[in-house]
Amino acid sequence: MNNAEKLFTSTSRNYNCAQAVACGCGREDLYDELAGCGGGRAPEGRCGALHAALEIVPEEQRKSVTDAFRDSLGAVTCNDLKRVHHVPCAKCVAIGAKLAELHQK
């Protein structure tokens, strides 16, 4: 379990999916900015975990992160991930954080 997953699944539940990815990857500065990006409220209905990962990585890495997220989970929007593919949010957080860590350097 990575840091983002631990934050997301903690009993205090102080982090939505986007905040958990950002803070789990050491970007606590994005906590307030991402407060409204959980539960399908990220831009374009995008998964909040993916949205946070895209905020962390360099612009030239965003397409490869989006593609890798889609390849791993089957979709990029919260609605499709939950209702069509039945992916738990914690798994989105884990994948989003992993991709952000791989591509932020």
PDB file of N, CA and C in Angstrom:
ATOM      1  N   MET A   1       0.852  -1.184   0.000  1.00  0.00           N
ATOM      2  CA  MET A   1       0.000   0.000   0.000  1.00  0.00           C
ATOM      3  C   MET A   1       0.894   1.242   0.000  1.00  0.00           C
ATOM      4  N   ASN A   2       0.687   2.124  -0.975  1.00  0.00           N
ATOM      5  CA  ASN A   2       1.515   3.328  -1.036  1.00  0.00           C
ATOM      6  C   ASN A   2       0.959   4.421  -0.119  1.00  0.00           C
ATOM      7  N   ASN A   3       1.711   5.513   0.017  1.00  0.00           N
ATOM      8  CA  ASN A   3       1.301   6.599   0.915  1.00  0.00           C
ATOM      9  C   ASN A   3      -0.067   7.165   0.564  1.00  0.00           C
ATOM     10  N   ALA A   4      -0.333   7.317  -0.722  1.00  0.00           N
ATOM     11  CA  ALA A   4      -1.619   7.871  -1.144  1.00  0.00           C
ATOM     12  C   ALA A   4      -2.772   6.971  -0.704  1.00  0.00           C
ATOM     13  N   GLU A   5      -2.612   5.671  -0.884  1.00  0.00           N
ATOM     14  CA  GLU A   5      -3.653   4.731  -0.449  1.00  0.00           C
ATOM     15  C   GLU A   5      -3.871   4.821   1.050  1.00  0.00           C
ATOM     16  N   LYS A   6      -2.795   4.927   1.806  1.00  0.00           N
ATOM     17  CA  LYS A   6      -2.907   5.030   3.270  1.00  0.00           C
ATOM     18  C   LYS A   6      -3.694   6.276   3.667  1.00  0.00           C
ATOM     19  N   LEU A   7      -3.400   7.391   3.007  1.00  0.00           N
ATOM     20  CA  LEU A   7      -4.132   8.621   3.311  1.00  0.00           C
ATOM     21  C   LEU A   7      -5.606   8.479   2.959  1.00  0.00           C
ATOM     22  N   PHE A   8      -5.883   7.912   1.798  1.00  0.00           N
ATOM     23  CA  PHE A   8      -7.258   7.782   1.329  1.00  0.00           C
ATOM     24  C   PHE A   8      -8.091   6.854   2.198  1.00  0.00           C
ATOM     25  N   THR A   9      -7.495   5.776   2.650  1.00  0.00           N
ATOM     26  CA  THR A   9      -8.245   4.779   3.416  1.00  0.00           C
ATOM     27  C   THR A   9      -8.147   4.969   4.928  1.00  0.00           C
ATOM     28  N   SER A  10      -7.452   6.013   5.372  1.00  0.00           N
ATOM     29  CA  SER A  10      -7.322   6.228   6.812  1.00  0.00           C
ATOM     30  C   SER A  10      -8.699   6.485   7.427  1.00  0.00           C
ATOM     31  N   THR A  11      -8.825   6.135   8.677  1.00  0.00           N
ATOM     32  CA  THR A  11     -10.114   6.275   9.346  1.00  0.00           C
ATOM     33  C   THR A  11     -10.532   7.731   9.510  1.00  0.00           C
ATOM     34  N   SER A  12      -9.585   8.648   9.473  1.00  0.00           N
ATOM     35  CA  SER A  12      -9.943  10.064   9.615  1.00  0.00           C
ATOM     36  C   SER A  12     -10.609  10.616   8.346  1.00  0.00           C
ATOM     37  N   ARG A  13     -10.352   9.992   7.185  1.00  0.00           N
ATOM     38  CA  ARG A  13     -10.964  10.368   5.900  1.00  0.00           C
ATOM     39  C   ARG A  13     -10.876  11.877   5.637  1.00  0.00           C
ATOM     40  N   ASN A  14      -9.701  12.434   5.832  1.00  0.00           N
ATOM     41  CA  ASN A  14      -9.483  13.860   5.579  1.00  0.00           C
ATOM     42  C   ASN A  14      -9.053  14.146   4.149  1.00  0.00           C
ATOM     43  N   TYR A  15      -8.989  13.124   3.302  1.00  0.00           N
ATOM     44  CA  TYR A  15      -8.500  13.283   1.942  1.00  0.00           C
ATOM     45  C   TYR A  15      -9.477  12.682   0.945  1.00  0.00           C
ATOM     46  N   ASN A  16      -9.823  13.456  -0.088  1.00  0.00           N
ATOM     47  CA  ASN A  16     -10.550  12.835  -1.189  1.00  0.00           C
ATOM     48  C   ASN A  16      -9.509  12.147  -2.077  1.00  0.00           C
ATOM     49  N   CYS A  17      -9.931  11.531  -3.168  1.00  0.00           N
ATOM     50  CA  CYS A  17      -8.996  10.771  -4.000  1.00  0.00           C
ATOM     51  C   CYS A  17      -7.895  11.657  -4.574  1.00  0.00           C
ATOM     52  N   ALA A  18      -8.244  12.841  -5.039  1.00  0.00           N
ATOM     53  CA  ALA A  18      -7.257  13.742  -5.632  1.00  0.00           C
ATOM     54  C   ALA A  18      -6.257  14.232  -4.580  1.00  0.00           C
ATOM     55  N   GLN A  19      -6.767  14.622  -3.429  1.00  0.00           N
ATOM     56  CA  GLN A  19      -5.890  15.087  -2.354  1.00  0.00           C
ATOM     57  C   GLN A  19      -4.959  13.982  -1.871  1.00  0.00           C
ATOM     58  N   ALA A  20      -5.460  12.771  -1.808  1.00  0.00           N
ATOM     59  CA  ALA A  20      -4.636  11.647  -1.350  1.00  0.00           C
ATOM     60  C   ALA A  20      -3.473  11.402  -2.302  1.00  0.00           C
ATOM     61  N   VAL A  21      -3.742  11.461  -3.604  1.00  0.00           N
ATOM     62  CA  VAL A  21      -2.666  11.261  -4.578  1.00  0.00           C
ATOM     63  C   VAL A  21      -1.634  12.376  -4.442  1.00  0.00           C
ATOM     64  N   ALA A  22      -2.081  13.608  -4.433  1.00  0.00           N
ATOM     65  CA  ALA A  22      -1.151  14.735  -4.353  1.00  0.00           C
ATOM     66  C   ALA A  22      -0.315  14.683  -3.080  1.00  0.00           C
ATOM     67  N   CYS A  23      -0.979  14.558  -1.947  1.00  0.00           N
ATOM     68  CA  CYS A  23      -0.261  14.562  -0.671  1.00  0.00           C
ATOM     69  C   CYS A  23       0.588  13.308  -0.500  1.00  0.00           C
ATOM     70  N   GLY A  24       0.098  12.185  -0.993  1.00  0.00           N
ATOM     71  CA  GLY A  24       0.875  10.948  -0.929  1.00  0.00           C
ATOM     72  C   GLY A  24       2.136  11.008  -1.759  1.00  0.00           C
ATOM     73  N   CYS A  25       2.146  11.891  -2.747  1.00  0.00           N
ATOM     74  CA  CYS A  25       3.322  12.084  -3.609  1.00  0.00           C
ATOM     75  C   CYS A  25       4.144  13.303  -3.180  1.00  0.00           C
ATOM     76  N   GLY A  26       3.859  13.818  -1.983  1.00  0.00           N
ATOM     77  CA  GLY A  26       4.643  14.922  -1.456  1.00  0.00           C
ATOM     78  C   GLY A  26       4.225  16.302  -1.927  1.00  0.00           C
ATOM     79  N   ARG A  27       3.047  16.426  -2.512  1.00  0.00           N
ATOM     80  CA  ARG A  27       2.566  17.722  -3.000  1.00  0.00           C
ATOM     81  C   ARG A  27       1.424  18.240  -2.122  1.00  0.00           C
ATOM     82  N   GLU A  28       1.718  18.414  -0.838  1.00  0.00           N
ATOM     83  CA  GLU A  28       0.733  18.933   0.103  1.00  0.00           C
ATOM     84  C   GLU A  28       0.239  20.316  -0.304  1.00  0.00           C
ATOM     85  N   ASP A  29       1.042  21.042  -1.094  1.00  0.00           N
ATOM     86  CA  ASP A  29       0.658  22.377  -1.537  1.00  0.00           C
ATOM     87  C   ASP A  29      -0.596  22.358  -2.417  1.00  0.00           C
ATOM     88  N   LEU A  30      -0.972  21.203  -2.948  1.00  0.00           N
ATOM     89  CA  LEU A  30      -2.153  21.088  -3.802  1.00  0.00           C
ATOM     90  C   LEU A  30      -3.420  20.691  -3.028  1.00  0.00           C
ATOM     91  N   TYR A  31      -3.294  20.463  -1.722  1.00  0.00           N
ATOM     92  CA  TYR A  31      -4.415  19.969  -0.910  1.00  0.00           C
ATOM     93  C   TYR A  31      -5.669  20.835  -1.073  1.00  0.00           C
ATOM     94  N   ASP A  32      -5.558  22.126  -0.854  1.00  0.00           N
ATOM     95  CA  ASP A  32      -6.732  23.005  -0.937  1.00  0.00           C
ATOM     96  C   ASP A  32      -7.266  23.092  -2.355  1.00  0.00           C
ATOM     97  N   GLU A  33      -6.375  23.198  -3.319  1.00  0.00           N
ATOM     98  CA  GLU A  33      -6.777  23.313  -4.726  1.00  0.00           C
ATOM     99  C   GLU A  33      -7.586  22.103  -5.195  1.00  0.00           C
ATOM    100  N   LEU A  34      -7.285  20.927  -4.647  1.00  0.00           N
ATOM    101  CA  LEU A  34      -7.935  19.690  -5.084  1.00  0.00           C
ATOM    102  C   LEU A  34      -9.134  19.286  -4.222  1.00  0.00           C
ATOM    103  N   ALA A  35      -9.525  20.148  -3.301  1.00  0.00           N
ATOM    104  CA  ALA A  35     -10.629  19.829  -2.391  1.00  0.00           C
ATOM    105  C   ALA A  35     -11.924  19.515  -3.126  1.00  0.00           C
ATOM    106  N   GLY A  36     -12.174  20.159  -4.245  1.00  0.00           N
ATOM    107  CA  GLY A  36     -13.409  19.941  -4.981  1.00  0.00           C
ATOM    108  C   GLY A  36     -13.291  18.945  -6.121  1.00  0.00           C
ATOM    109  N   CYS A  37     -12.232  18.155  -6.124  1.00  0.00           N
ATOM    110  CA  CYS A  37     -11.985  17.262  -7.267  1.00  0.00           C
ATOM    111  C   CYS A  37     -12.247  15.789  -6.974  1.00  0.00           C
ATOM    112  N   GLY A  38     -12.873  15.471  -5.877  1.00  0.00           N
ATOM    113  CA  GLY A  38     -13.222  14.082  -5.585  1.00  0.00           C
ATOM    114  C   GLY A  38     -14.643  13.781  -6.029  1.00  0.00           C
ATOM    115  N   GLY A  39     -14.989  12.530  -6.069  1.00  0.00           N
ATOM    116  CA  GLY A  39     -16.362  12.129  -6.363  1.00  0.00           C
ATOM    117  C   GLY A  39     -16.869  12.528  -7.731  1.00  0.00           C
ATOM    118  N   GLY A  40     -15.997  12.521  -8.725  1.00  0.00           N
ATOM    119  CA  GLY A  40     -16.414  12.832 -10.079  1.00  0.00           C
ATOM    120  C   GLY A  40     -16.492  14.317 -10.394  1.00  0.00           C
ATOM    121  N   ARG A  41     -15.963  15.151  -9.514  1.00  0.00           N
ATOM    122  CA  ARG A  41     -16.051  16.600  -9.717  1.00  0.00           C
ATOM    123  C   ARG A  41     -14.784  17.218 -10.308  1.00  0.00           C
ATOM    124  N   ALA A  42     -13.828  16.399 -10.701  1.00  0.00           N
ATOM    125  CA  ALA A  42     -12.635  16.931 -11.376  1.00  0.00           C
ATOM    126  C   ALA A  42     -13.051  17.417 -12.768  1.00  0.00           C
ATOM    127  N   PRO A  43     -12.271  18.280 -13.385  1.00  0.00           N
ATOM    128  CA  PRO A  43     -12.616  18.773 -14.721  1.00  0.00           C
ATOM    129  C   PRO A  43     -12.936  17.635 -15.700  1.00  0.00           C
ATOM    130  N   GLU A  44     -13.959  17.853 -16.507  1.00  0.00           N
ATOM    131  CA  GLU A  44     -14.392  16.916 -17.539  1.00  0.00           C
ATOM    132  C   GLU A  44     -14.849  15.562 -16.974  1.00  0.00           C
ATOM    133  N   GLY A  45     -15.204  15.522 -15.690  1.00  0.00           N
ATOM    134  CA  GLY A  45     -15.651  14.280 -15.066  1.00  0.00           C
ATOM    135  C   GLY A  45     -14.531  13.285 -14.827  1.00  0.00           C
ATOM    136  N   ARG A  46     -13.309  13.741 -15.027  1.00  0.00           N
ATOM    137  CA  ARG A  46     -12.129  12.890 -14.871  1.00  0.00           C
ATOM    138  C   ARG A  46     -12.031  12.362 -13.440  1.00  0.00           C
ATOM    139  N   CYS A  47     -11.495  11.190 -13.308  1.00  0.00           N
ATOM    140  CA  CYS A  47     -11.218  10.634 -11.985  1.00  0.00           C
ATOM    141  C   CYS A  47     -10.304  11.608 -11.241  1.00  0.00           C
ATOM    142  N   GLY A  48     -10.635  11.893  -9.994  1.00  0.00           N
ATOM    143  CA  GLY A  48      -9.831  12.813  -9.197  1.00  0.00           C
ATOM    144  C   GLY A  48      -8.409  12.336  -8.988  1.00  0.00           C
ATOM    145  N   ALA A  49      -8.237  11.033  -8.852  1.00  0.00           N
ATOM    146  CA  ALA A  49      -6.890  10.487  -8.674  1.00  0.00           C
ATOM    147  C   ALA A  49      -6.041  10.734  -9.918  1.00  0.00           C
ATOM    148  N   LEU A  50      -6.632  10.555 -11.074  1.00  0.00           N
ATOM    149  CA  LEU A  50      -5.926  10.843 -12.324  1.00  0.00           C
ATOM    150  C   LEU A  50      -5.672  12.338 -12.444  1.00  0.00           C
ATOM    151  N   HIS A  51      -6.660  13.141 -12.128  1.00  0.00           N
ATOM    152  CA  HIS A  51      -6.507  14.591 -12.218  1.00  0.00           C
ATOM    153  C   HIS A  51      -5.322  15.064 -11.368  1.00  0.00           C
ATOM    154  N   ALA A  52      -5.216  14.568 -10.151  1.00  0.00           N
ATOM    155  CA  ALA A  52      -4.098  14.949  -9.282  1.00  0.00           C
ATOM    156  C   ALA A  52      -2.773  14.507  -9.886  1.00  0.00           C
ATOM    157  N   ALA A  53      -2.735  13.302 -10.417  1.00  0.00           N
ATOM    158  CA  ALA A  53      -1.498  12.816 -11.047  1.00  0.00           C
ATOM    159  C   ALA A  53      -1.090  13.744 -12.188  1.00  0.00           C
ATOM    160  N   LEU A  54      -2.073  14.194 -12.967  1.00  0.00           N
ATOM    161  CA  LEU A  54      -1.779  15.080 -14.091  1.00  0.00           C
ATOM    162  C   LEU A  54      -1.296  16.449 -13.625  1.00  0.00           C
ATOM    163  N   GLU A  55      -1.744  16.884 -12.456  1.00  0.00           N
ATOM    164  CA  GLU A  55      -1.282  18.148 -11.896  1.00  0.00           C
ATOM    165  C   GLU A  55       0.177  18.051 -11.430  1.00  0.00           C
ATOM    166  N   ILE A  56       0.600  16.856 -11.080  1.00  0.00           N
ATOM    167  CA  ILE A  56       1.940  16.639 -10.522  1.00  0.00           C
ATOM    168  C   ILE A  56       3.002  16.460 -11.601  1.00  0.00           C
ATOM    169  N   VAL A  57       2.665  15.752 -12.657  1.00  0.00           N
ATOM    170  CA  VAL A  57       3.675  15.405 -13.668  1.00  0.00           C
ATOM    171  C   VAL A  57       3.907  16.561 -14.640  1.00  0.00           C
ATOM    172  N   PRO A  58       5.061  16.585 -15.276  1.00  0.00           N
ATOM    173  CA  PRO A  58       5.311  17.613 -16.295  1.00  0.00           C
ATOM    174  C   PRO A  58       4.304  17.494 -17.441  1.00  0.00           C
ATOM    175  N   GLU A  59       4.018  18.600 -18.065  1.00  0.00           N
ATOM    176  CA  GLU A  59       3.008  18.628 -19.125  1.00  0.00           C
ATOM    177  C   GLU A  59       3.272  17.599 -20.217  1.00  0.00           C
ATOM    178  N   GLU A  60       4.521  17.402 -20.569  1.00  0.00           N
ATOM    179  CA  GLU A  60       4.844  16.459 -21.651  1.00  0.00           C
ATOM    180  C   GLU A  60       4.604  14.996 -21.259  1.00  0.00           C
ATOM    181  N   GLN A  61       4.353  14.733 -19.995  1.00  0.00           N
ATOM    182  CA  GLN A  61       4.091  13.378 -19.522  1.00  0.00           C
ATOM    183  C   GLN A  61       2.603  13.081 -19.368  1.00  0.00           C
ATOM    184  N   ARG A  62       1.764  14.090 -19.480  1.00  0.00           N
ATOM    185  CA  ARG A  62       0.333  13.936 -19.171  1.00  0.00           C
ATOM    186  C   ARG A  62      -0.385  12.938 -20.078  1.00  0.00           C
ATOM    187  N   LYS A  63      -0.084  12.928 -21.353  1.00  0.00           N
ATOM    188  CA  LYS A  63      -0.745  11.984 -22.248  1.00  0.00           C
ATOM    189  C   LYS A  63      -0.354  10.553 -21.903  1.00  0.00           C
ATOM    190  N   SER A  64       0.913  10.312 -21.624  1.00  0.00           N
ATOM    191  CA  SER A  64       1.328   8.943 -21.298  1.00  0.00           C
ATOM    192  C   SER A  64       0.745   8.495 -19.963  1.00  0.00           C
ATOM    193  N   VAL A  65       0.601   9.419 -19.011  1.00  0.00           N
ATOM    194  CA  VAL A  65      -0.026   9.070 -17.728  1.00  0.00           C
ATOM    195  C   VAL A  65      -1.505   8.749 -17.948  1.00  0.00           C
ATOM    196  N   THR A  66      -2.190   9.565 -18.727  1.00  0.00           N
ATOM    197  CA  THR A  66      -3.606   9.313 -19.023  1.00  0.00           C
ATOM    198  C   THR A  66      -3.781   7.972 -19.725  1.00  0.00           C
ATOM    199  N   ASP A  67      -2.950   7.705 -20.709  1.00  0.00           N
ATOM    200  CA  ASP A  67      -3.027   6.436 -21.443  1.00  0.00           C
ATOM    201  C   ASP A  67      -2.757   5.245 -20.534  1.00  0.00           C
ATOM    202  N   ALA A  68      -1.746   5.357 -19.676  1.00  0.00           N
ATOM    203  CA  ALA A  68      -1.413   4.264 -18.761  1.00  0.00           C
ATOM    204  C   ALA A  68      -2.535   4.036 -17.753  1.00  0.00           C
ATOM    205  N   PHE A  69      -3.157   5.104 -17.273  1.00  0.00           N
ATOM    206  CA  PHE A  69      -4.281   4.996 -16.340  1.00  0.00           C
ATOM    207  C   PHE A  69      -5.440   4.267 -17.018  1.00  0.00           C
ATOM    208  N   ARG A  70      -5.769   4.684 -18.237  1.00  0.00           N
ATOM    209  CA  ARG A  70      -6.849   4.046 -18.999  1.00  0.00           C
ATOM    210  C   ARG A  70      -6.518   2.567 -19.254  1.00  0.00           C
ATOM    211  N   ASP A  71      -5.288   2.279 -19.642  1.00  0.00           N
ATOM    212  CA  ASP A  71      -4.879   0.894 -19.893  1.00  0.00           C
ATOM    213  C   ASP A  71      -4.996   0.033 -18.638  1.00  0.00           C
ATOM    214  N   SER A  72      -4.677   0.607 -17.493  1.00  0.00           N
ATOM    215  CA  SER A  72      -4.725  -0.136 -16.225  1.00  0.00           C
ATOM    216  C   SER A  72      -6.136  -0.374 -15.718  1.00  0.00           C
ATOM    217  N   LEU A  73      -7.011   0.627 -15.887  1.00  0.00           N
ATOM    218  CA  LEU A  73      -8.323   0.571 -15.239  1.00  0.00           C
ATOM    219  C   LEU A  73      -9.519   0.570 -16.187  1.00  0.00           C
ATOM    220  N   GLY A  74      -9.290   0.821 -17.460  1.00  0.00           N
ATOM    221  CA  GLY A  74     -10.369   0.739 -18.430  1.00  0.00           C
ATOM    222  C   GLY A  74     -11.069   2.029 -18.773  1.00  0.00           C
ATOM    223  N   ALA A  75     -10.811   3.097 -18.039  1.00  0.00           N
ATOM    224  CA  ALA A  75     -11.485   4.376 -18.284  1.00  0.00           C
ATOM    225  C   ALA A  75     -10.730   5.483 -17.569  1.00  0.00           C
ATOM    226  N   VAL A  76     -11.126   6.729 -17.830  1.00  0.00           N
ATOM    227  CA  VAL A  76     -10.511   7.869 -17.147  1.00  0.00           C
ATOM    228  C   VAL A  76     -11.525   8.732 -16.409  1.00  0.00           C
ATOM    229  N   THR A  77     -12.816   8.550 -16.681  1.00  0.00           N
ATOM    230  CA  THR A  77     -13.815   9.340 -15.965  1.00  0.00           C
ATOM    231  C   THR A  77     -14.299   8.576 -14.739  1.00  0.00           C
ATOM    232  N   CYS A  78     -14.623   9.330 -13.724  1.00  0.00           N
ATOM    233  CA  CYS A  78     -15.106   8.730 -12.476  1.00  0.00           C
ATOM    234  C   CYS A  78     -16.348   7.873 -12.730  1.00  0.00           C
ATOM    235  N   ASN A  79     -17.274   8.418 -13.485  1.00  0.00           N
ATOM    236  CA  ASN A  79     -18.517   7.706 -13.758  1.00  0.00           C
ATOM    237  C   ASN A  79     -18.261   6.346 -14.407  1.00  0.00           C
ATOM    238  N   ASP A  80     -17.439   6.308 -15.445  1.00  0.00           N
ATOM    239  CA  ASP A  80     -17.152   5.040 -16.126  1.00  0.00           C
ATOM    240  C   ASP A  80     -16.390   4.074 -15.224  1.00  0.00           C
ATOM    241  N   LEU A  81     -15.453   4.609 -14.465  1.00  0.00           N
ATOM    242  CA  LEU A  81     -14.677   3.743 -13.574  1.00  0.00           C
ATOM    243  C   LEU A  81     -15.581   3.069 -12.543  1.00  0.00           C
ATOM    244  N   LYS A  82     -16.493   3.832 -11.960  1.00  0.00           N
ATOM    245  CA  LYS A  82     -17.364   3.296 -10.912  1.00  0.00           C
ATOM    246  C   LYS A  82     -18.506   2.440 -11.477  1.00  0.00           C
ATOM    247  N   ARG A  83     -19.225   2.973 -12.451  1.00  0.00           N
ATOM    248  CA  ARG A  83     -20.464   2.329 -12.895  1.00  0.00           C
ATOM    249  C   ARG A  83     -20.284   1.285 -13.982  1.00  0.00           C
ATOM    250  N   VAL A  84     -19.296   1.468 -14.852  1.00  0.00           N
ATOM    251  CA  VAL A  84     -19.091   0.517 -15.945  1.00  0.00           C
ATOM    252  C   VAL A  84     -18.065  -0.551 -15.570  1.00  0.00           C
ATOM    253  N   HIS A  85     -16.941  -0.101 -15.017  1.00  0.00           N
ATOM    254  CA  HIS A  85     -15.832  -1.027 -14.733  1.00  0.00           C
ATOM    255  C   HIS A  85     -15.784  -1.477 -13.272  1.00  0.00           C
ATOM    256  N   HIS A  86     -16.574  -0.857 -12.410  1.00  0.00           N
ATOM    257  CA  HIS A  86     -16.666  -1.224 -10.987  1.00  0.00           C
ATOM    258  C   HIS A  86     -15.303  -1.215 -10.290  1.00  0.00           C
ATOM    259  N   VAL A  87     -14.519  -0.169 -10.570  1.00  0.00           N
ATOM    260  CA  VAL A  87     -13.196  -0.016  -9.969  1.00  0.00           C
ATOM    261  C   VAL A  87     -13.337   0.744  -8.650  1.00  0.00           C
ATOM    262  N   PRO A  88     -12.846   0.189  -7.554  1.00  0.00           N
ATOM    263  CA  PRO A  88     -12.907   0.913  -6.281  1.00  0.00           C
ATOM    264  C   PRO A  88     -12.016   2.158  -6.312  1.00  0.00           C
ATOM    265  N   CYS A  89     -12.451   3.184  -5.648  1.00  0.00           N
ATOM    266  CA  CYS A  89     -11.690   4.435  -5.619  1.00  0.00           C
ATOM    267  C   CYS A  89     -10.268   4.227  -5.090  1.00  0.00           C
ATOM    268  N   ALA A  90     -10.108   3.365  -4.107  1.00  0.00           N
ATOM    269  CA  ALA A  90      -8.767   3.124  -3.554  1.00  0.00           C
ATOM    270  C   ALA A  90      -7.814   2.594  -4.625  1.00  0.00           C
ATOM    271  N   LYS A  91      -8.328   1.806  -5.552  1.00  0.00           N
ATOM    272  CA  LYS A  91      -7.473   1.304  -6.634  1.00  0.00           C
ATOM    273  C   LYS A  91      -7.089   2.445  -7.574  1.00  0.00           C
ATOM    274  N   CYS A  92      -8.008   3.351  -7.853  1.00  0.00           N
ATOM    275  CA  CYS A  92      -7.694   4.519  -8.677  1.00  0.00           C
ATOM    276  C   CYS A  92      -6.610   5.358  -8.009  1.00  0.00           C
ATOM    277  N   VAL A  93      -6.719   5.531  -6.705  1.00  0.00           N
ATOM    278  CA  VAL A  93      -5.719   6.288  -5.942  1.00  0.00           C
ATOM    279  C   VAL A  93      -4.357   5.604  -6.046  1.00  0.00           C
ATOM    280  N   ALA A  94      -4.330   4.291  -5.885  1.00  0.00           N
ATOM    281  CA  ALA A  94      -3.067   3.555  -5.966  1.00  0.00           C
ATOM    282  C   ALA A  94      -2.419   3.708  -7.333  1.00  0.00           C
ATOM    283  N   ILE A  95      -3.200   3.551  -8.391  1.00  0.00           N
ATOM    284  CA  ILE A  95      -2.668   3.658  -9.755  1.00  0.00           C
ATOM    285  C   ILE A  95      -2.267   5.096 -10.060  1.00  0.00           C
ATOM    286  N   GLY A  96      -3.094   6.050  -9.682  1.00  0.00           N
ATOM    287  CA  GLY A  96      -2.770   7.454  -9.915  1.00  0.00           C
ATOM    288  C   GLY A  96      -1.468   7.864  -9.254  1.00  0.00           C
ATOM    289  N   ALA A  97      -1.285   7.463  -7.997  1.00  0.00           N
ATOM    290  CA  ALA A  97      -0.051   7.793  -7.278  1.00  0.00           C
ATOM    291  C   ALA A  97       1.156   7.101  -7.895  1.00  0.00           C
ATOM    292  N   LYS A  98       1.000   5.845  -8.260  1.00  0.00           N
ATOM    293  CA  LYS A  98       2.110   5.110  -8.875  1.00  0.00           C
ATOM    294  C   LYS A  98       2.553   5.789 -10.169  1.00  0.00           C
ATOM    295  N   LEU A  99       1.589   6.156 -11.004  1.00  0.00           N
ATOM    296  CA  LEU A  99       1.913   6.817 -12.280  1.00  0.00           C
ATOM    297  C   LEU A  99       2.539   8.189 -12.047  1.00  0.00           C
ATOM    298  N   ALA A 100       2.039   8.931 -11.075  1.00  0.00           N
ATOM    299  CA  ALA A 100       2.610  10.236 -10.783  1.00  0.00           C
ATOM    300  C   ALA A 100       4.061  10.104 -10.328  1.00  0.00           C
ATOM    301  N   GLU A 101       4.311   9.134  -9.473  1.00  0.00           N
ATOM    302  CA  GLU A 101       5.675   8.926  -8.984  1.00  0.00           C
ATOM    303  C   GLU A 101       6.609   8.496 -10.118  1.00  0.00           C
ATOM    304  N   LEU A 102       6.133   7.668 -11.010  1.00  0.00           N
ATOM    305  CA  LEU A 102       6.959   7.205 -12.136  1.00  0.00           C
ATOM    306  C   LEU A 102       7.282   8.311 -13.130  1.00  0.00           C
ATOM    307  N   HIS A 103       6.365   9.253 -13.295  1.00  0.00           N
ATOM    308  CA  HIS A 103       6.511  10.252 -14.346  1.00  0.00           C
ATOM    309  C   HIS A 103       6.890  11.652 -13.874  1.00  0.00           C
ATOM    310  N   GLN A 104       6.997  11.872 -12.571  1.00  0.00           N
ATOM    311  CA  GLN A 104       7.267  13.243 -12.126  1.00  0.00           C
ATOM    312  C   GLN A 104       8.737  13.614 -12.188  1.00  0.00           C
ATOM    313  N   LYS A 105       9.599  12.695 -12.435  1.00  0.00           N
ATOM    314  CA  LYS A 105      11.027  13.003 -12.502  1.00  0.00           C
ATOM    315  C   LYS A 105      11.463  13.337 -13.903  1.00  0.00           C
TER     316      LYS A 105
END
